[in-house]
Each structure stands twice: as C-alpha cells, then as structure tokens.
C-alpha atoms as a PDB file:
ATOM      1  CA  MET A   1     -23.209-192.398 -44.761  1.00  0.00           C
ATOM      2  CA  GLU A   2     -20.221-194.690 -44.278  1.00  0.00           C
ATOM      3  CA  SER A   3     -20.432-196.670 -41.051  1.00  0.00           C
ATOM      4  CA  ARG A   4     -17.626-196.564 -38.506  1.00  0.00           C
ATOM      5  CA  PRO A   5     -15.412-199.615 -37.906  1.00  0.00           C
ATOM      6  CA  PRO A   6     -16.580-201.771 -34.955  1.00  0.00           C
ATOM      7  CA  ASP A   7     -13.646-200.734 -32.749  1.00  0.00           C
ATOM      8  CA  GLU A   8     -14.456-197.061 -33.309  1.00  0.00           C
ATOM      9  CA  GLU A   9     -18.044-197.723 -32.305  1.00  0.00           C
ATOM     10  CA  ARG A  10     -16.754-199.361 -29.124  1.00  0.00           C
ATOM     11  CA  ARG A  11     -14.485-196.376 -28.468  1.00  0.00           C
ATOM     12  CA  ALA A  12     -17.403-193.959 -28.850  1.00  0.00           C
ATOM     13  CA  ARG A  13     -19.584-196.075 -26.538  1.00  0.00           C
ATOM     14  CA  LEU A  14     -16.858-196.204 -23.861  1.00  0.00           C
ATOM     15  CA  TRP A  15     -16.267-192.459 -24.021  1.00  0.00           C
ATOM     16  CA  SER A  16     -20.010-191.913 -23.641  1.00  0.00           C
ATOM     17  CA  ARG A  17     -19.942-193.900 -20.386  1.00  0.00           C
ATOM     18  CA  ILE A  18     -16.855-192.042 -19.162  1.00  0.00           C
ATOM     19  CA  ARG A  19     -18.394-188.623 -19.856  1.00  0.00           C
ATOM     20  CA  ARG A  20     -21.677-189.641 -18.245  1.00  0.00           C
ATOM     21  CA  LEU A  21     -19.893-190.586 -15.017  1.00  0.00           C
ATOM     22  CA  ALA A  22     -18.134-187.211 -14.929  1.00  0.00           C
ATOM     23  CA  SER A  23     -21.358-185.365 -15.736  1.00  0.00           C
ATOM     24  CA  ASP A  24     -23.215-187.152 -12.938  1.00  0.00           C
ATOM     25  CA  GLU A  25     -20.523-185.920 -10.519  1.00  0.00           C
ATOM     26  CA  GLY A  26     -20.491-182.425 -11.991  1.00  0.00           C
ATOM     27  CA  VAL A  27     -16.725-182.493 -12.555  1.00  0.00           C
ATOM     28  CA  PRO A  28     -14.429-182.572 -15.606  1.00  0.00           C
ATOM     29  CA  VAL A  29     -13.590-185.964 -17.099  1.00  0.00           C
ATOM     30  CA  GLY A  30     -10.618-187.471 -15.282  1.00  0.00           C
ATOM     31  CA  VAL A  31      -8.623-190.658 -15.311  1.00  0.00           C
ATOM     32  CA  ARG A  32     -10.667-191.954 -12.353  1.00  0.00           C
ATOM     33  CA  HIS A  33     -13.770-191.999 -14.557  1.00  0.00           C
ATOM     34  CA  VAL A  34     -11.858-194.137 -17.044  1.00  0.00           C
ATOM     35  CA  GLY A  35     -10.937-196.500 -14.211  1.00  0.00           C
ATOM     36  CA  LEU A  36     -14.525-196.742 -12.991  1.00  0.00           C
ATOM     37  CA  THR A  37     -15.705-197.466 -16.523  1.00  0.00           C
ATOM     38  CA  ALA A  38     -13.025-200.139 -16.903  1.00  0.00           C
ATOM     39  CA  ALA A  39     -14.180-201.789 -13.672  1.00  0.00           C
ATOM     40  CA  ALA A  40     -17.776-201.937 -14.921  1.00  0.00           C
ATOM     41  CA  VAL A  41     -16.955-203.095 -18.446  1.00  0.00           C
ATOM     42  CA  LEU A  42     -14.278-205.647 -17.556  1.00  0.00           C
ATOM     43  CA  GLY A  43     -15.881-207.203 -14.475  1.00  0.00           C
ATOM     44  CA  ALA A  44     -13.293-205.787 -12.072  1.00  0.00           C
ATOM     45  CA  ARG A  45     -13.549-204.995  -8.378  1.00  0.00           C
ATOM     46  CA  GLU A  46     -11.218-202.017  -8.732  1.00  0.00           C
ATOM     47  CA  THR A  47      -8.711-200.541 -11.143  1.00  0.00           C
ATOM     48  CA  VAL A  48      -5.343-198.802 -11.005  1.00  0.00           C
ATOM     49  CA  VAL A  49      -3.666-196.485 -13.505  1.00  0.00           C
ATOM     50  CA  TYR A  50       0.123-196.383 -13.238  1.00  0.00           C
ATOM     51  CA  GLN A  51       2.501-193.863 -14.768  1.00  0.00           C
ATOM     52  CA  LEU A  52       6.250-194.120 -15.233  1.00  0.00           C
ATOM     53  CA  VAL A  53       8.270-191.639 -13.172  1.00  0.00           C
ATOM     54  CA  ASP A  54      11.999-191.094 -12.753  1.00  0.00           C
ATOM     55  CA  GLY A  55      12.767-192.999 -15.941  1.00  0.00           C
ATOM     56  CA  ASN A  56      11.753-196.613 -15.286  1.00  0.00           C
ATOM     57  CA  ARG A  57      10.006-196.463 -11.895  1.00  0.00           C
ATOM     58  CA  CYS A  58       6.216-196.438 -11.747  1.00  0.00           C
ATOM     59  CA  GLU A  59       3.591-195.348  -9.279  1.00  0.00           C
ATOM     60  CA  PRO A  60      -0.221-195.198  -9.269  1.00  0.00           C
ATOM     61  CA  VAL A  61      -1.794-191.948 -10.407  1.00  0.00           C
ATOM     62  CA  SER A  62      -5.363-193.175  -9.954  1.00  0.00           C
ATOM     63  CA  VAL A  63      -6.880-195.964  -7.864  1.00  0.00           C
ATOM     64  CA  THR A  64     -10.604-196.504  -7.565  1.00  0.00           C
ATOM     65  CA  GLY A  65     -10.607-197.891  -4.027  1.00  0.00           C
ATOM     66  CA  PRO A  66      -8.639-199.307  -1.096  1.00  0.00           C
ATOM     67  CA  LEU A  67      -8.030-202.690  -2.717  1.00  0.00           C
ATOM     68  CA  GLY A  68      -6.354-201.035  -5.692  1.00  0.00           C
ATOM     69  CA  ASP A  69      -4.386-198.832  -3.331  1.00  0.00           C
ATOM     70  CA  TRP A  70      -3.017-201.812  -1.404  1.00  0.00           C
ATOM     71  CA  SER A  71      -2.400-204.048  -4.423  1.00  0.00           C
ATOM     72  CA  SER A  72      -0.545-201.352  -6.374  1.00  0.00           C
ATOM     73  CA  GLU A  73       1.685-200.597  -3.408  1.00  0.00           C
ATOM     74  CA  ALA A  74       2.309-204.324  -2.981  1.00  0.00           C
ATOM     75  CA  GLU A  75       3.352-204.747  -6.628  1.00  0.00           C
ATOM     76  CA  ILE A  76       5.787-201.863  -6.364  1.00  0.00           C
ATOM     77  CA  THR A  77       7.140-202.991  -2.991  1.00  0.00           C
ATOM     78  CA  PHE A  78       7.538-206.614  -4.072  1.00  0.00           C
ATOM     79  CA  GLY A  79       8.936-205.640  -7.466  1.00  0.00           C
ATOM     80  CA  GLU A  80       6.706-208.083  -9.368  1.00  0.00           C
ATOM     81  CA  GLY A  81       3.272-208.280 -10.892  1.00  0.00           C
ATOM     82  CA  PRO A  82       1.260-207.849 -14.085  1.00  0.00           C
ATOM     83  CA  ALA A  83       1.597-204.047 -14.127  1.00  0.00           C
ATOM     84  CA  LEU A  84       5.393-204.183 -13.892  1.00  0.00           C
ATOM     85  CA  ASP A  85       5.554-206.895 -16.583  1.00  0.00           C
ATOM     86  CA  CYS A  86       3.258-204.839 -18.823  1.00  0.00           C
ATOM     87  CA  LEU A  87       5.469-201.768 -18.462  1.00  0.00           C
ATOM     88  CA  ARG A  88       8.669-203.728 -19.010  1.00  0.00           C
ATOM     89  CA  ASP A  89       7.502-205.857 -21.936  1.00  0.00           C
ATOM     90  CA  GLU A  90       5.234-203.164 -23.456  1.00  0.00           C
ATOM     91  CA  HIS A  91       2.280-205.399 -24.181  1.00  0.00           C
ATOM     92  CA  PRO A  92      -0.889-206.485 -22.351  1.00  0.00           C
ATOM     93  CA  VAL A  93      -0.547-208.987 -19.520  1.00  0.00           C
ATOM     94  CA  LEU A  94      -3.664-211.112 -18.970  1.00  0.00           C
ATOM     95  CA  ALA A  95      -3.356-213.102 -15.744  1.00  0.00           C
ATOM     96  CA  ASP A  96      -6.801-214.675 -15.951  1.00  0.00           C
ATOM     97  CA  ASP A  97      -6.395-217.114 -13.029  1.00  0.00           C
ATOM     98  CA  LEU A  98      -3.814-216.326 -10.348  1.00  0.00           C
ATOM     99  CA  ALA A  99      -4.585-219.601  -8.574  1.00  0.00           C
ATOM    100  CA  ARG A 100      -3.329-221.547 -11.605  1.00  0.00           C
ATOM    101  CA  GLY A 101       0.219-220.557 -12.489  1.00  0.00           C
ATOM    102  CA  GLY A 102       0.223-217.171 -10.810  1.00  0.00           C
ATOM    103  CA  ALA A 103       2.556-218.240  -8.018  1.00  0.00           C
ATOM    104  CA  ALA A 104       5.096-219.570 -10.523  1.00  0.00           C
ATOM    105  CA  ARG A 105       5.274-216.189 -12.258  1.00  0.00           C
ATOM    106  CA  TRP A 106       4.755-213.888  -9.265  1.00  0.00           C
ATOM    107  CA  PRO A 107       5.608-215.976  -6.170  1.00  0.00           C
ATOM    108  CA  VAL A 108       5.120-213.132  -3.680  1.00  0.00           C
ATOM    109  CA  LEU A 109       2.333-211.113  -5.261  1.00  0.00           C
ATOM    110  CA  ALA A 110       0.014-213.931  -6.344  1.00  0.00           C
ATOM    111  CA  PRO A 111      -0.654-215.350  -2.829  1.00  0.00           C
ATOM    112  CA  TYR A 112      -1.013-211.804  -1.507  1.00  0.00           C
ATOM    113  CA  ALA A 113      -3.602-210.947  -4.179  1.00  0.00           C
ATOM    114  CA  LEU A 114      -5.517-214.220  -3.826  1.00  0.00           C
ATOM    115  CA  ALA A 115      -5.770-213.739  -0.057  1.00  0.00           C
ATOM    116  CA  ARG A 116      -7.501-210.411  -0.740  1.00  0.00           C
ATOM    117  CA  GLY A 117     -10.032-211.747  -3.206  1.00  0.00           C
ATOM    118  CA  ILE A 118      -8.226-210.909  -6.442  1.00  0.00           C
ATOM    119  CA  ALA A 119      -8.507-213.911  -8.770  1.00  0.00           C
ATOM    120  CA  GLY A 120      -7.306-212.306 -12.003  1.00  0.00           C
ATOM    121  CA  ILE A 121      -5.398-209.206 -13.087  1.00  0.00           C
ATOM    122  CA  PHE A 122      -5.313-207.654 -16.550  1.00  0.00           C
ATOM    123  CA  ALA A 123      -2.812-204.908 -17.419  1.00  0.00           C
ATOM    124  CA  PHE A 124      -3.003-202.816 -20.607  1.00  0.00           C
ATOM    125  CA  PRO A 125      -0.226-200.407 -21.662  1.00  0.00           C
ATOM    126  CA  LEU A 126      -0.709-196.648 -21.941  1.00  0.00           C
ATOM    127  CA  VAL A 127       1.041-195.628 -25.134  1.00  0.00           C
ATOM    128  CA  MET A 128       2.198-192.157 -26.161  1.00  0.00           C
ATOM    129  CA  GLY A 129       3.405-192.347 -29.742  1.00  0.00           C
ATOM    130  CA  ALA A 130       5.692-195.374 -29.738  1.00  0.00           C
ATOM    131  CA  ILE A 131       6.496-195.168 -26.018  1.00  0.00           C
ATOM    132  CA  VAL A 132       4.745-196.963 -23.161  1.00  0.00           C
ATOM    133  CA  VAL A 133       4.361-194.469 -20.307  1.00  0.00           C
ATOM    134  CA  GLY A 134       2.018-196.328 -17.972  1.00  0.00           C
ATOM    135  CA  CYS A 135      -0.640-199.003 -17.741  1.00  0.00           C
ATOM    136  CA  LEU A 136      -4.253-199.609 -16.811  1.00  0.00           C
ATOM    137  CA  GLU A 137      -4.672-202.546 -14.460  1.00  0.00           C
ATOM    138  CA  VAL A 138      -7.980-204.211 -13.581  1.00  0.00           C
ATOM    139  CA  LEU A 139      -8.422-206.450 -10.530  1.00  0.00           C
ATOM    140  CA  ARG A 140     -11.022-209.152 -11.075  1.00  0.00           C
ATOM    141  CA  PRO A 141     -12.770-211.137  -8.318  1.00  0.00           C
ATOM    142  CA  GLU A 142     -13.339-214.204 -10.502  1.00  0.00           C
ATOM    143  CA  PRO A 143     -10.990-216.133 -12.812  1.00  0.00           C
ATOM    144  CA  GLY A 144     -11.817-216.216 -16.491  1.00  0.00           C
ATOM    145  CA  THR A 145     -10.221-215.907 -19.907  1.00  0.00           C
ATOM    146  CA  PRO A 146     -11.001-212.499 -21.435  1.00  0.00           C
ATOM    147  CA  SER A 147     -12.988-212.384 -24.646  1.00  0.00           C
ATOM    148  CA  ARG A 148     -11.707-210.621 -27.741  1.00  0.00           C
ATOM    149  CA  ASP A 149     -14.129-207.770 -27.024  1.00  0.00           C
ATOM    150  CA  GLU A 150     -12.841-207.416 -23.457  1.00  0.00           C
ATOM    151  CA  VAL A 151      -9.247-207.195 -24.690  1.00  0.00           C
ATOM    152  CA  VAL A 152     -10.252-204.544 -27.245  1.00  0.00           C
ATOM    153  CA  ASP A 153     -12.129-202.609 -24.547  1.00  0.00           C
ATOM    154  CA  GLY A 154      -9.097-202.799 -22.254  1.00  0.00           C
ATOM    155  CA  LEU A 155      -6.825-201.376 -24.942  1.00  0.00           C
ATOM    156  CA  LEU A 156      -9.328-198.646 -25.818  1.00  0.00           C
ATOM    157  CA  LEU A 157      -9.728-197.717 -22.153  1.00  0.00           C
ATOM    158  CA  ALA A 158      -5.944-197.573 -21.779  1.00  0.00           C
ATOM    159  CA  ASP A 159      -5.950-195.059 -24.650  1.00  0.00           C
ATOM    160  CA  ALA A 160      -8.696-193.124 -22.866  1.00  0.00           C
ATOM    161  CA  ALA A 161      -6.646-193.115 -19.654  1.00  0.00           C
ATOM    162  CA  MET A 162      -3.659-191.735 -21.561  1.00  0.00           C
ATOM    163  CA  LEU A 163      -5.743-188.913 -23.056  1.00  0.00           C
ATOM    164  CA  SER A 164      -7.306-188.169 -19.668  1.00  0.00           C
ATOM    165  CA  LEU A 165      -3.877-187.850 -18.059  1.00  0.00           C
ATOM    166  CA  LEU A 166      -2.790-185.417 -20.766  1.00  0.00           C
ATOM    167  CA  ARG A 167      -5.953-183.317 -20.532  1.00  0.00           C
ATOM    168  CA  ALA A 168      -6.655-183.612 -16.822  1.00  0.00           C
ATOM    169  CA  GLU A 169      -8.051-180.536 -15.092  1.00  0.00           C
ATOM    170  CA  PRO A 170      -7.234-180.264 -11.369  1.00  0.00           C
ATOM    171  CA  LEU A 171     -10.169-180.825  -9.038  1.00  0.00           C
ATOM    172  CA  PRO A 172     -10.900-178.389  -6.208  1.00  0.00           C
ATOM    173  CA  ALA A 173      -9.258-179.294  -2.891  1.00  0.00           C
ATOM    174  CA  GLY A 174     -11.424-181.720  -0.948  1.00  0.00           C
ATOM    175  CA  ALA A 175     -13.347-182.936  -4.003  1.00  0.00           C
ATOM    176  CA  ASP A 176     -11.848-186.443  -3.759  1.00  0.00           C
ATOM    177  CA  PRO A 177     -10.372-187.059  -0.278  1.00  0.00           C
ATOM    178  CA  PHE A 178      -9.405-190.679  -1.048  1.00  0.00           C
ATOM    179  CA  ALA A 179      -7.415-189.700  -4.148  1.00  0.00           C
ATOM    180  CA  GLU A 180      -5.788-186.832  -2.263  1.00  0.00           C
ATOM    181  CA  ALA A 181      -4.676-189.188   0.515  1.00  0.00           C
ATOM    182  CA  VAL A 182      -3.146-191.599  -2.022  1.00  0.00           C
ATOM    183  CA  GLN A 183      -1.351-188.729  -3.774  1.00  0.00           C
ATOM    184  CA  ALA A 184      -0.042-187.397  -0.467  1.00  0.00           C
ATOM    185  CA  ARG A 185       1.452-190.774   0.446  1.00  0.00           C
ATOM    186  CA  TRP A 186       3.244-191.097  -2.874  1.00  0.00           C
ATOM    187  CA  ALA A 187       4.464-187.500  -2.636  1.00  0.00           C
ATOM    188  CA  ALA A 188       6.036-188.458   0.707  1.00  0.00           C
ATOM    189  CA  VAL A 189       7.687-191.467  -0.961  1.00  0.00           C
ATOM    190  CA  HIS A 190       9.098-189.091  -3.599  1.00  0.00           C
ATOM    191  CA  ARG A 191      10.513-186.760  -0.959  1.00  0.00           C
ATOM    192  CA  ALA A 192      11.943-189.623   1.084  1.00  0.00           C
ATOM    193  CA  THR A 193      13.589-191.086  -2.017  1.00  0.00           C
ATOM    194  CA  GLY A 194      15.290-187.747  -2.652  1.00  0.00           C
ATOM    195  CA  ALA A 195      16.348-187.405   0.976  1.00  0.00           C
ATOM    196  CA  LEU A 196      17.723-190.942   1.058  1.00  0.00           C
ATOM    197  CA  SER A 197      19.530-190.384  -2.244  1.00  0.00           C
ATOM    198  CA  ALA A 198      21.324-187.410  -0.684  1.00  0.00           C
ATOM    199  CA  GLN A 199      22.045-189.335   2.526  1.00  0.00           C
ATOM    200  CA  LEU A 200      23.533-192.298   0.655  1.00  0.00           C
ATOM    201  CA  ARG A 201      25.111-190.157  -2.090  1.00  0.00           C
ATOM    202  CA  SER A 202      23.438-192.443  -4.588  1.00  0.00           C
ATOM    203  CA  ASP A 203      21.065-192.033  -7.506  1.00  0.00           C
ATOM    204  CA  ARG A 204      17.314-191.983  -6.882  1.00  0.00           C
ATOM    205  CA  ALA A 205      16.826-195.456  -8.345  1.00  0.00           C
ATOM    206  CA  THR A 206      19.196-196.968  -5.782  1.00  0.00           C
ATOM    207  CA  ALA A 207      17.579-195.006  -2.958  1.00  0.00           C
ATOM    208  CA  PHE A 208      14.136-196.219  -3.976  1.00  0.00           C
ATOM    209  CA  VAL A 209      15.328-199.838  -4.071  1.00  0.00           C
ATOM    210  CA  ARG A 210      16.575-199.430  -0.502  1.00  0.00           C
ATOM    211  CA  LEU A 211      13.211-197.996   0.607  1.00  0.00           C
ATOM    212  CA  ARG A 212      11.357-200.861  -1.080  1.00  0.00           C
ATOM    213  CA  ALA A 213      13.659-203.473   0.364  1.00  0.00           C
ATOM    214  CA  HIS A 214      13.173-202.183   3.904  1.00  0.00           C
ATOM    215  CA  ALA A 215       9.386-202.032   3.494  1.00  0.00           C
ATOM    216  CA  TYR A 216       9.340-205.586   2.105  1.00  0.00           C
ATOM    217  CA  ARG A 217      11.631-206.998   4.789  1.00  0.00           C
ATOM    218  CA  THR A 218       9.729-205.394   7.667  1.00  0.00           C
ATOM    219  CA  GLY A 219       6.211-205.812   6.242  1.00  0.00           C
ATOM    220  CA  ARG A 220       5.534-202.085   6.398  1.00  0.00           C
ATOM    221  CA  ARG A 221       3.897-199.738   3.896  1.00  0.00           C
ATOM    222  CA  LEU A 222       6.239-197.699   1.722  1.00  0.00           C
ATOM    223  CA  ALA A 223       4.595-194.494   2.883  1.00  0.00           C
ATOM    224  CA  ASP A 224       5.238-195.386   6.541  1.00  0.00           C
ATOM    225  CA  VAL A 225       8.905-196.070   5.841  1.00  0.00           C
ATOM    226  CA  ALA A 226       9.075-192.808   3.887  1.00  0.00           C
ATOM    227  CA  ALA A 227       7.534-190.903   6.800  1.00  0.00           C
ATOM    228  CA  ASP A 228      10.189-192.300   9.159  1.00  0.00           C
ATOM    229  CA  VAL A 229      12.956-191.244   6.769  1.00  0.00           C
ATOM    230  CA  LEU A 230      11.531-187.724   6.486  1.00  0.00           C
ATOM    231  CA  ALA A 231      11.136-187.466  10.284  1.00  0.00           C
ATOM    232  CA  HIS A 232      14.727-188.718  10.790  1.00  0.00           C
ATOM    233  CA  ARG A 233      13.449-191.761  12.681  1.00  0.00           C
ATOM    234  CA  LEU A 234      15.171-194.073  10.185  1.00  0.00           C
ATOM    235  CA  SER A 235      18.716-193.737   8.859  1.00  0.00           C
ATOM    236  CA  PHE A 236      20.216-195.993   6.205  1.00  0.00           C
ATOM    237  CA  HIS A 237      23.862-196.982   5.885  1.00  0.00           C
ATOM    238  CA  ALA A 238      25.875-196.896   2.683  1.00  0.00           C
ATOM    239  CA  ASP A 239      26.436-200.642   3.104  1.00  0.00           C
ATOM    240  CA  PRO A 240      23.198-202.227   1.777  1.00  0.00           C
ATOM    241  CA  THR A 241      23.723-205.303   3.973  1.00  0.00           C
ATOM    242  CA  ALA A 242      23.622-203.205   7.171  1.00  0.00           C
ATOM    243  CA  GLU A 243      20.293-202.735   8.906  1.00  0.00           C
ATOM    244  CA  PRO A 244      19.030-199.117   9.083  1.00  0.00           C
ATOM    245  CA  ASP A 245      19.220-197.351  12.431  1.00  0.00           C
ATOM    246  CA  ALA A 246      15.704-196.906  13.789  1.00  0.00           C
ATOM    247  CA  GLY A 247      14.180-195.249  16.800  1.00  0.00           C
ATOM    248  CA  PRO A 248      11.064-196.572  18.556  1.00  0.00           C
ATOM    249  CA  GLU A 249       8.747-198.085  15.952  1.00  0.00           C
ATOM    250  CA  PRO A 250       5.346-196.357  15.776  1.00  0.00           C
ATOM    251  CA  ASP A 251       2.111-198.306  15.741  1.00  0.00           C
ATOM    252  CA  GLY A 252       0.462-198.625  12.355  1.00  0.00           C
ATOM    253  CA  GLU A 253      -1.338-200.782   9.840  1.00  0.00           C
ATOM    254  CA  ALA A 254      -0.061-204.070   8.555  1.00  0.00           C
ATOM    255  CA  GLY A 255       1.927-203.368   5.417  1.00  0.00           C
ATOM    256  CA  PRO A 256       2.029-205.232   2.084  1.00  0.00           C
ATOM    257  CA  GLY A 257       4.226-207.938   3.573  1.00  0.00           C
ATOM    258  CA  GLY A 258       1.822-208.545   6.425  1.00  0.00           C
ATOM    259  CA  GLY A 259       3.934-207.096   9.271  1.00  0.00           C
ATOM    260  CA  ARG A 260       3.233-204.222  11.582  1.00  0.00           C
ATOM    261  CA  GLY A 261       3.689-200.609  10.477  1.00  0.00           C
END
C-alpha cells in the first residue's frame, strides 16, 4: 500500500488528538478543541481563533482561556498585532520573541503582552478557497524560533479550525459558560456598533473605530464601552475630536489600556 505524504500523516495525527479531546468531553468536535490541540502541540499558554466580520473587521470566535480573551480584545482595541497583520497580509506571522523587536513592530501591544507573560505569538491564516477569512493565534510563554514541523502543524491546525467553523454543531446552553460569556460580550459590541452607526449616521466601520478609540483612550474594555452605549450612558458626537457625553462612570475591571472600567 502506498504510504501517505508526511504532512498528511501529521494532519491525521492532529485530527486524532482533536477528536479525542471532544470524545473525552462527550461533545461534537468544535473549534475550541482545535485551539486546545494547538496549545499543546505548539507550546502555547492559550490560543485564539479569529474570524473576519463586517468585511475587514475581525473578532474572536474561540478563546481557550482568560489570557486569550484579554489579548485578543487588546489587539482589536489597539489596532495592531500578529493576528491583524496575518489577516491583512494573508500569510503566517511568527513573532518568536516580543522582547526583541516586538515593540518596534507593535509599540502598544508588545509591552502589554510581555507584561502578561506572553513572550511569543504565532498567527496562521484560515483559508477558504483563495480567501483568508480568519486566523489561528497561539500565545507562547517562552521565546523561541518555531521549527519547520511546528510551522506545518500551525498551518494544518488552521485548516482544521476552518473546517470546524464550517461544520460546528451548537452546544447545549450552559455547556461552556466561559465561551458563552465571551460570545455575549462580542454580541453587545456588535449591537453597540449598529446603534452608534445609526446615531452618527455613519457606516459600521466608522462607528467601530469610534468605539475602539474611546476604549483605548480611556483604558476600558470594548464590551464595557458597548454596554454604556446600549444603556444610553454614553453618547458620541459627529465630530470625532469631541469627547463623548458620559454619565457617572460605573466601577469595573481595568481594560486593555490599563485604566478603570
């Protein structure tokens, strides 16, 4: 019998790990299982899978833990990072040592990531046909140049993430409270973007930029800013140089920029 090419053997081995994780949980294979496998195979603390929405904007559709949740929101808020470069340039981005050169490329994100124990970030594109529709990002606690096998595994796992997104079966409510909380926050950001677009009589891309800019400037989480917009506690002016009108600021967590929520 003709043997399979080495990369196909690697693909089969990775899918075996992915299916085993899902089987152990008694649930259908999902993109989270791909992320957990990527973390184990690529020496990552956590992973994030992003998907493009509204044309050229992205958001996480799967994060494996709180570090990935915070780092993905920071990349989107700051408007810089390996995931965004991967989506824009449509090829892998291998930031193997953020302490050496990271600040020159990502002056806001790199210090933020390093302060939280992220020493390296790899991002691999999710490709549908000839179109990049997302990326798989792995957050590594130690610096280090990836081997050829690690790069191949990253690309194969990105393919697996793409297939899992296409074939995903919804989990019962309450099966993954962490994932549901992340999804709820981003759903609020979606709604707030639409509400702000109507308020400003602008397109959604412009409205989202205004949300991001306010979150960045005030050091708050995007979801907290979105909640204030939806509750009519925060009103933006058509003039982007004018500060939004805000009521009393609620207590909350420190956001990606390090301020109070």
